[in-house]
Amino acid sequence: MTEFSIIQYAGPIQKLGQDFEVVYFTSVQANATPDTDQYVGYFEKTSGALEWMEFTYRELFSFYKGVLKYGYYESWNEKQYPRRITILDRFEDSDFVHEIRIEKMEIPKQPMEEEDKVLELGE
């Protein structure tokens, strides 16, 4: 999120029975455009944790708009990280499009080399 050149605070909102602070992220220009992805982050008002992120994905489908749900935060290396990231078509959906579950986080003793990555995938 910090890599976007345009970050704008959009104010507080209540959604799905929770209070959020909303932030808009994009690059190139502030106004919505069919050529540039836009993101709207919903940060839980009390903890400040990113709970939801609406997004457009123009590279895959020029019209696709989805929602990321972040959860099960864990403190690691003095920062908070979500252990589950769920992709939904809409906030209200009960079925997800895709879900990432992170079982373990650790710092490797030495950086992985490209050959190591290939060997791990092949096993």
Protein backbone atom coordinates (compact mmCIF):
# COMPACT_ATOMS: atom_id res chain seq x y z
CA MET A 1 0.00 0.00 0.00
CA THR A 2 2.83 2.40 0.72
CA GLU A 3 4.06 2.04 -2.87
CA PHE A 4 1.02 3.86 -4.28
CA SER A 5 1.72 7.46 -5.23
CA ILE A 6 -1.83 8.56 -4.31
CA ILE A 7 -3.17 7.78 -0.84
CA GLN A 8 -6.27 9.65 0.37
CA TYR A 9 -8.19 9.38 3.63
CA ALA A 10 -11.90 8.95 2.84
CA GLY A 11 -13.30 9.14 6.39
CA PRO A 12 -15.12 6.86 8.83
CA ILE A 13 -17.83 4.40 7.77
CA GLN A 14 -19.89 1.65 9.35
CA LYS A 15 -20.06 -1.55 7.27
CA LEU A 16 -21.21 -5.02 8.25
CA GLY A 17 -21.84 -3.75 11.80
CA GLN A 18 -18.25 -2.54 12.34
CA ASP A 19 -16.65 0.90 12.42
CA PHE A 20 -13.89 1.48 9.89
CA GLU A 21 -11.57 4.23 8.71
CA VAL A 22 -11.49 4.22 4.90
CA VAL A 23 -8.42 4.98 2.78
CA TYR A 24 -8.21 5.18 -1.04
CA PHE A 25 -5.06 3.98 -2.86
CA THR A 26 -4.13 4.32 -6.51
CA SER A 27 -1.42 5.58 -8.86
CA VAL A 28 -1.32 7.86 -11.91
CA GLN A 29 -4.36 10.07 -11.02
CA ALA A 30 -6.80 10.47 -8.13
CA ASN A 31 -9.97 10.13 -10.21
CA ALA A 32 -11.18 6.67 -11.15
CA THR A 33 -9.99 5.55 -14.57
CA PRO A 34 -10.61 2.35 -16.55
CA ASP A 35 -6.86 1.96 -17.12
CA THR A 36 -5.58 2.09 -13.52
CA ASP A 37 -6.29 -0.15 -10.54
CA GLN A 38 -7.89 1.42 -7.48
CA TYR A 39 -8.03 0.10 -3.93
CA VAL A 40 -10.20 1.10 -0.96
CA GLY A 41 -8.91 -0.08 2.42
CA TYR A 42 -11.16 -0.56 5.44
CA PHE A 43 -9.13 -0.27 8.64
CA GLU A 44 -10.78 -1.41 11.88
CA LYS A 45 -11.29 1.76 13.90
CA THR A 46 -10.05 0.49 17.29
CA SER A 47 -7.05 -1.69 16.33
CA GLY A 48 -6.12 0.00 13.05
CA ALA A 49 -5.85 -3.42 11.37
CA LEU A 50 -6.64 -3.66 7.67
CA GLU A 51 -9.78 -5.82 7.60
CA TRP A 52 -11.08 -5.37 4.04
CA MET A 53 -9.77 -4.11 0.72
CA GLU A 54 -11.95 -3.43 -2.32
CA PHE A 55 -9.99 -3.57 -5.56
CA THR A 56 -10.15 -3.47 -9.32
CA TYR A 57 -7.96 -5.77 -11.38
CA ARG A 58 -7.70 -4.26 -14.83
CA GLU A 59 -4.89 -6.50 -16.14
CA LEU A 60 -6.99 -9.68 -15.92
CA PHE A 61 -10.45 -8.27 -16.66
CA SER A 62 -11.01 -4.59 -17.35
CA PHE A 63 -14.25 -4.73 -15.36
CA TYR A 64 -13.34 -7.00 -12.41
CA LYS A 65 -13.95 -5.64 -8.93
CA GLY A 66 -13.38 -7.80 -5.88
CA VAL A 67 -12.86 -7.73 -2.13
CA LEU A 68 -10.01 -9.03 0.05
CA LYS A 69 -10.79 -10.02 3.65
CA TYR A 70 -7.80 -10.07 6.03
CA GLY A 71 -7.94 -11.93 9.33
CA TYR A 72 -6.28 -13.95 12.08
CA TYR A 73 -3.54 -11.37 12.64
CA GLU A 74 -0.36 -12.50 14.35
CA SER A 75 2.52 -10.49 15.72
CA TRP A 76 5.79 -11.42 13.99
CA ASN A 77 9.06 -9.55 13.82
CA GLU A 78 7.43 -6.63 15.69
CA LYS A 79 4.68 -6.21 13.06
CA GLN A 80 1.15 -7.56 12.63
CA TYR A 81 0.51 -9.94 9.71
CA PRO A 82 -2.72 -11.60 8.58
CA ARG A 83 -2.61 -15.37 8.53
CA ARG A 84 -5.65 -15.59 6.27
CA ILE A 85 -6.44 -13.57 3.14
CA THR A 86 -9.73 -14.35 1.43
CA ILE A 87 -10.77 -13.10 -2.03
CA LEU A 88 -14.50 -12.52 -2.52
CA ASP A 89 -16.55 -11.05 -5.34
CA ARG A 90 -18.55 -8.92 -2.86
CA PHE A 91 -18.56 -8.10 0.87
CA GLU A 92 -21.74 -10.08 1.45
CA ASP A 93 -20.58 -13.31 -0.24
CA SER A 94 -20.39 -16.42 1.92
CA ASP A 95 -18.36 -18.35 -0.69
CA PHE A 96 -14.86 -17.23 -1.53
CA VAL A 97 -13.11 -17.12 -4.91
CA HIS A 98 -9.71 -17.96 -3.41
CA GLU A 99 -8.20 -18.15 0.06
CA ILE A 100 -4.63 -18.03 1.32
CA ARG A 101 -3.88 -19.52 4.74
CA ILE A 102 -0.47 -18.97 6.26
CA GLU A 103 0.49 -21.74 8.65
CA LYS A 104 3.95 -20.59 9.70
CA MET A 105 6.11 -17.48 9.43
CA GLU A 106 9.86 -17.53 9.95
CA ILE A 107 13.02 -15.79 8.85
CA PRO A 108 15.33 -18.13 6.88
CA LYS A 109 18.90 -18.49 8.18
CA GLN A 110 20.17 -17.51 4.75
CA PRO A 111 18.39 -16.13 1.67
CA MET A 112 16.96 -18.77 -0.65
CA GLU A 113 18.76 -19.21 -3.93
CA GLU A 114 16.89 -19.68 -7.19
CA GLU A 115 18.04 -23.34 -7.37
CA ASP A 116 16.60 -24.00 -3.88
CA LYS A 117 13.20 -22.70 -4.97
CA VAL A 118 13.15 -25.03 -7.99
CA LEU A 119 14.14 -28.05 -5.88
CA GLU A 120 11.46 -27.34 -3.29
CA LEU A 121 8.77 -27.07 -5.95
CA GLY A 122 9.89 -30.32 -7.58
CA GLU A 123 9.77 -32.40 -4.39
